[in-house]
Amino acid sequence: MRLCHLSDLPDGGSRGFDPQQRGQDSLLLVRQGGQVHAWADSCPHHGTPMAWRKDEYLNAARDRIVCAAHGAQFHITTGLCTLGPCLGQHLQAAAVHIRADGEIHLAEMPSQHRQETNA
């Protein structure tokens, strides 16, 4: 399933997606250079959506994913909670594939602890 083009996701930026078309983002992507990290948009603390505003998942330094509801912070590449009520838990990873033309596709629904995809 196509999500977006790599150029639609700014380097150092994040974006939410609703691949199941339920009316609420359930997947978030974070781009770091040629890598895209994909995670379920669900805090392991209570399963709440994480964005504080549409497509805004990162802290001010843009080096951690932050849960707006609880303030938990997660490492972008591993999904590990490094601060907050779910310390030591992980975000649920999703597999994405970046095609040669830059199109980002969802390979499967979230199921692992970590997923990195290189361009």
Protein backbone atom coordinates (compact mmCIF):
# COMPACT_ATOMS: atom_id res chain seq x y z
CA MET A 1 0.00 0.00 0.00
CA ARG A 2 1.44 3.37 -1.05
CA LEU A 3 1.83 5.90 1.76
CA CYS A 4 3.68 8.81 0.15
CA HIS A 5 6.77 9.79 -1.79
CA LEU A 6 10.05 10.28 0.09
CA SER A 7 9.98 13.95 -0.96
CA ASP A 8 6.62 14.35 0.86
CA LEU A 9 8.35 13.53 4.16
CA PRO A 10 10.92 16.21 5.01
CA ASP A 11 14.27 15.09 6.38
CA GLY A 12 13.98 15.27 10.17
CA GLY A 13 10.21 15.35 9.93
CA SER A 14 7.31 13.13 10.87
CA ARG A 15 3.94 12.36 9.34
CA GLY A 16 0.90 10.32 10.31
CA PHE A 17 -1.09 7.99 8.06
CA ASP A 18 -4.43 6.19 8.17
CA PRO A 19 -3.76 3.09 6.02
CA GLN A 20 -6.83 1.28 7.35
CA GLN A 21 -9.02 4.31 6.53
CA ARG A 22 -10.60 4.51 9.97
CA GLY A 23 -10.59 8.30 10.17
CA GLN A 24 -7.58 8.55 12.51
CA ASP A 25 -3.87 8.10 11.90
CA SER A 26 -2.66 4.70 13.09
CA LEU A 27 0.85 4.82 11.60
CA LEU A 28 3.63 7.37 11.90
CA LEU A 29 6.76 7.80 9.80
CA VAL A 30 9.92 9.67 10.75
CA ARG A 31 12.57 10.43 8.15
CA GLN A 32 16.25 10.72 8.96
CA GLY A 33 18.16 11.25 5.73
CA GLY A 34 17.56 8.24 3.49
CA GLN A 35 16.05 6.19 6.33
CA VAL A 36 12.36 6.05 7.19
CA HIS A 37 11.28 4.65 10.54
CA ALA A 38 7.69 3.45 10.79
CA TRP A 39 5.76 2.94 14.02
CA ALA A 40 2.18 2.34 15.14
CA ASP A 41 0.67 5.63 16.31
CA SER A 42 -0.08 4.17 19.73
CA CYS A 43 1.69 4.82 23.02
CA PRO A 44 2.48 1.56 24.83
CA HIS A 45 1.36 3.20 28.10
CA HIS A 46 -2.37 3.32 27.29
CA GLY A 47 -2.61 2.86 23.51
CA THR A 48 -3.38 6.53 22.94
CA PRO A 49 -2.50 8.34 19.69
CA MET A 50 0.80 10.18 20.04
CA ALA A 51 0.69 13.33 17.89
CA TRP A 52 0.16 16.62 19.68
CA ARG A 53 -1.01 18.11 16.36
CA LYS A 54 -1.51 16.57 12.91
CA ASP A 55 1.83 15.09 11.79
CA GLU A 56 3.66 16.42 14.87
CA TYR A 57 5.28 13.49 16.69
CA LEU A 58 8.72 14.86 17.53
CA ASN A 59 10.13 16.93 20.37
CA ALA A 60 11.54 20.41 19.76
CA ALA A 61 15.05 19.02 19.17
CA ARG A 62 13.52 16.56 16.66
CA ASP A 63 15.57 13.72 18.14
CA ARG A 64 12.78 11.84 19.98
CA ILE A 65 9.21 10.77 19.28
CA VAL A 66 6.96 12.14 22.03
CA CYS A 67 3.56 11.00 23.27
CA ALA A 68 1.44 14.14 23.64
CA ALA A 69 -0.81 12.50 26.25
CA HIS A 70 1.87 11.34 28.69
CA GLY A 71 5.11 13.05 27.66
CA ALA A 72 6.83 9.71 27.10
CA GLN A 73 9.85 9.96 24.79
CA PHE A 74 10.94 7.26 22.34
CA HIS A 75 14.18 6.71 20.43
CA ILE A 76 13.42 7.27 16.73
CA THR A 77 15.37 4.30 15.38
CA THR A 78 14.59 1.70 18.05
CA GLY A 79 11.20 2.80 19.40
CA LEU A 80 12.51 2.33 22.96
CA CYS A 81 10.89 4.54 25.60
CA THR A 82 13.70 6.51 27.24
CA LEU A 83 11.57 8.77 29.46
CA GLY A 84 8.07 8.55 30.87
CA PRO A 85 5.52 6.13 32.28
CA CYS A 86 6.34 3.32 29.82
CA LEU A 87 10.12 3.44 30.36
CA GLY A 88 11.80 0.42 28.77
CA GLN A 89 8.82 -0.46 26.56
CA HIS A 90 8.85 -0.14 22.76
CA LEU A 91 6.66 1.34 20.10
CA GLN A 92 5.23 -1.24 17.75
CA ALA A 93 7.22 -1.22 14.49
CA ALA A 94 5.82 -1.32 10.98
CA ALA A 95 7.67 -2.45 7.88
CA VAL A 96 7.90 -0.01 5.00
CA HIS A 97 9.68 -0.27 1.69
CA ILE A 98 11.15 2.64 -0.25
CA ARG A 99 11.05 1.86 -3.96
CA ALA A 100 13.75 3.04 -6.37
CA ASP A 101 11.41 5.84 -7.53
CA GLY A 102 11.10 7.14 -3.93
CA GLU A 103 7.60 5.84 -3.28
CA ILE A 104 7.13 4.62 0.31
CA HIS A 105 4.90 1.58 0.69
CA LEU A 106 3.60 -0.16 3.77
CA ALA A 107 4.89 -3.72 3.63
CA GLU A 108 2.79 -5.04 6.51
CA MET A 109 0.94 -3.83 9.55
CA PRO A 110 2.91 -3.19 12.77
CA SER A 111 4.24 -6.39 14.31
CA GLN A 112 7.89 -6.05 15.37
CA HIS A 113 9.92 -3.99 17.83
CA ARG A 114 12.23 -2.35 15.29
CA GLN A 115 12.25 -1.61 11.60
CA GLU A 116 14.60 0.56 9.58
CA THR A 117 14.40 0.91 5.84
CA ASN A 118 17.16 2.39 3.72
CA ALA A 119 16.54 4.27 0.52
